[in-house]
Amino acid sequence: MKGTGGSVAISAVLETFDGKRVKDACAFGLGPCNADDPCPLHPHWERIREEYERMLTVTLRDLKHEANP
């Protein structure tokens, strides 16, 4: 991430500390979770996960700009 000039996405920061994440992971930790094989929480988690995925595309530069407009 060194020398990126703030263009690092939040997802890259999290991956540095937590490792590669499974995109279709179950909120209960039961493995892959999708419409074909949903867990009991899937309908609720799907909406949250979509917003979470959008948030992960925000860059450090975006956050700095939002904090100091």
C-alpha atoms as a PDB file:
ATOM      1  CA  MET A   1       0.000   0.000   0.000  1.00  0.00           C
ATOM      2  CA  LYS A   2       3.011   2.272   0.347  1.00  0.00           C
ATOM      3  CA  GLY A   3       3.147   5.071  -2.201  1.00  0.00           C
ATOM      4  CA  THR A   4      -0.447   4.762  -3.393  1.00  0.00           C
ATOM      5  CA  GLY A   5      -1.350   8.397  -2.730  1.00  0.00           C
ATOM      6  CA  GLY A   6      -4.611   7.642  -0.960  1.00  0.00           C
ATOM      7  CA  SER A   7      -6.122   5.582  -3.761  1.00  0.00           C
ATOM      8  CA  VAL A   8      -6.243   2.498  -1.528  1.00  0.00           C
ATOM      9  CA  ALA A   9      -9.729   1.070  -1.066  1.00  0.00           C
ATOM     10  CA  ILE A  10     -10.955   0.132   2.404  1.00  0.00           C
ATOM     11  CA  SER A  11     -11.113  -3.472   1.191  1.00  0.00           C
ATOM     12  CA  ALA A  12      -7.319  -3.488   0.684  1.00  0.00           C
ATOM     13  CA  VAL A  13      -6.736  -2.140   4.200  1.00  0.00           C
ATOM     14  CA  LEU A  14      -8.984  -4.782   5.744  1.00  0.00           C
ATOM     15  CA  GLU A  15      -7.362  -7.526   3.679  1.00  0.00           C
ATOM     16  CA  THR A  16      -3.953  -6.500   5.011  1.00  0.00           C
ATOM     17  CA  PHE A  17      -5.072  -7.172   8.576  1.00  0.00           C
ATOM     18  CA  ASP A  18      -7.739  -9.851   8.177  1.00  0.00           C
ATOM     19  CA  GLY A  19      -6.578 -11.712   5.066  1.00  0.00           C
ATOM     20  CA  LYS A  20      -8.558 -12.432   1.928  1.00  0.00           C
ATOM     21  CA  ARG A  21     -12.264 -12.573   2.638  1.00  0.00           C
ATOM     22  CA  VAL A  22     -14.855 -14.874   1.160  1.00  0.00           C
ATOM     23  CA  LYS A  23     -17.303 -12.727  -0.769  1.00  0.00           C
ATOM     24  CA  ASP A  24     -20.332 -15.009  -0.285  1.00  0.00           C
ATOM     25  CA  ALA A  25     -19.567 -15.863   3.337  1.00  0.00           C
ATOM     26  CA  CYS A  26     -22.449 -16.639   5.643  1.00  0.00           C
ATOM     27  CA  ALA A  27     -23.111 -14.201   8.490  1.00  0.00           C
ATOM     28  CA  PHE A  28     -23.294 -17.247  10.802  1.00  0.00           C
ATOM     29  CA  GLY A  29     -19.970 -18.577   9.520  1.00  0.00           C
ATOM     30  CA  LEU A  30     -21.642 -21.594   7.942  1.00  0.00           C
ATOM     31  CA  GLY A  31     -19.693 -21.382   4.683  1.00  0.00           C
ATOM     32  CA  PRO A  32     -20.945 -20.062   1.351  1.00  0.00           C
ATOM     33  CA  CYS A  33     -24.371 -18.451   1.515  1.00  0.00           C
ATOM     34  CA  ASN A  34     -26.386 -17.603  -1.571  1.00  0.00           C
ATOM     35  CA  ALA A  35     -29.912 -17.669  -2.938  1.00  0.00           C
ATOM     36  CA  ASP A  36     -29.521 -21.321  -3.988  1.00  0.00           C
ATOM     37  CA  ASP A  37     -28.363 -22.446  -0.537  1.00  0.00           C
ATOM     38  CA  PRO A  38     -29.445 -19.743   1.952  1.00  0.00           C
ATOM     39  CA  CYS A  39     -28.903 -19.697   5.690  1.00  0.00           C
ATOM     40  CA  PRO A  40     -31.769 -18.547   7.984  1.00  0.00           C
ATOM     41  CA  LEU A  41     -30.357 -14.998   8.075  1.00  0.00           C
ATOM     42  CA  HIS A  42     -29.700 -14.766   4.317  1.00  0.00           C
ATOM     43  CA  PRO A  43     -32.563 -12.404   3.277  1.00  0.00           C
ATOM     44  CA  HIS A  44     -31.505  -9.857   5.895  1.00  0.00           C
ATOM     45  CA  TRP A  45     -27.748 -10.327   5.499  1.00  0.00           C
ATOM     46  CA  GLU A  46     -27.949  -9.988   1.702  1.00  0.00           C
ATOM     47  CA  ARG A  47     -29.140  -6.356   1.953  1.00  0.00           C
ATOM     48  CA  ILE A  48     -26.473  -5.524   4.516  1.00  0.00           C
ATOM     49  CA  ARG A  49     -23.760  -7.304   2.528  1.00  0.00           C
ATOM     50  CA  GLU A  50     -24.594  -5.315  -0.621  1.00  0.00           C
ATOM     51  CA  GLU A  51     -24.132  -2.039   1.264  1.00  0.00           C
ATOM     52  CA  TYR A  52     -20.968  -3.388   2.909  1.00  0.00           C
ATOM     53  CA  GLU A  53     -19.530  -4.259  -0.522  1.00  0.00           C
ATOM     54  CA  ARG A  54     -20.194  -0.687  -1.705  1.00  0.00           C
ATOM     55  CA  MET A  55     -18.516   0.708   1.409  1.00  0.00           C
ATOM     56  CA  LEU A  56     -15.406  -1.382   0.736  1.00  0.00           C
ATOM     57  CA  THR A  57     -14.850   0.458  -2.557  1.00  0.00           C
ATOM     58  CA  VAL A  58     -14.401   3.796  -0.745  1.00  0.00           C
ATOM     59  CA  THR A  59     -10.773   4.930  -0.801  1.00  0.00           C
ATOM     60  CA  LEU A  60      -8.679   6.551   1.898  1.00  0.00           C
ATOM     61  CA  ARG A  61      -8.673   9.704  -0.233  1.00  0.00           C
ATOM     62  CA  ASP A  62     -12.494   9.668  -0.219  1.00  0.00           C
ATOM     63  CA  LEU A  63     -12.531   9.403   3.569  1.00  0.00           C
ATOM     64  CA  LYS A  64     -10.066  12.269   3.951  1.00  0.00           C
ATOM     65  CA  HIS A  65     -12.148  14.442   1.631  1.00  0.00           C
ATOM     66  CA  GLU A  66     -15.352  13.636   3.537  1.00  0.00           C
ATOM     67  CA  ALA A  67     -13.674  14.511   6.857  1.00  0.00           C
ATOM     68  CA  ASN A  68     -12.178  17.783   5.543  1.00  0.00           C
ATOM     69  CA  PRO A  69     -14.434  19.105   2.757  1.00  0.00           C
END
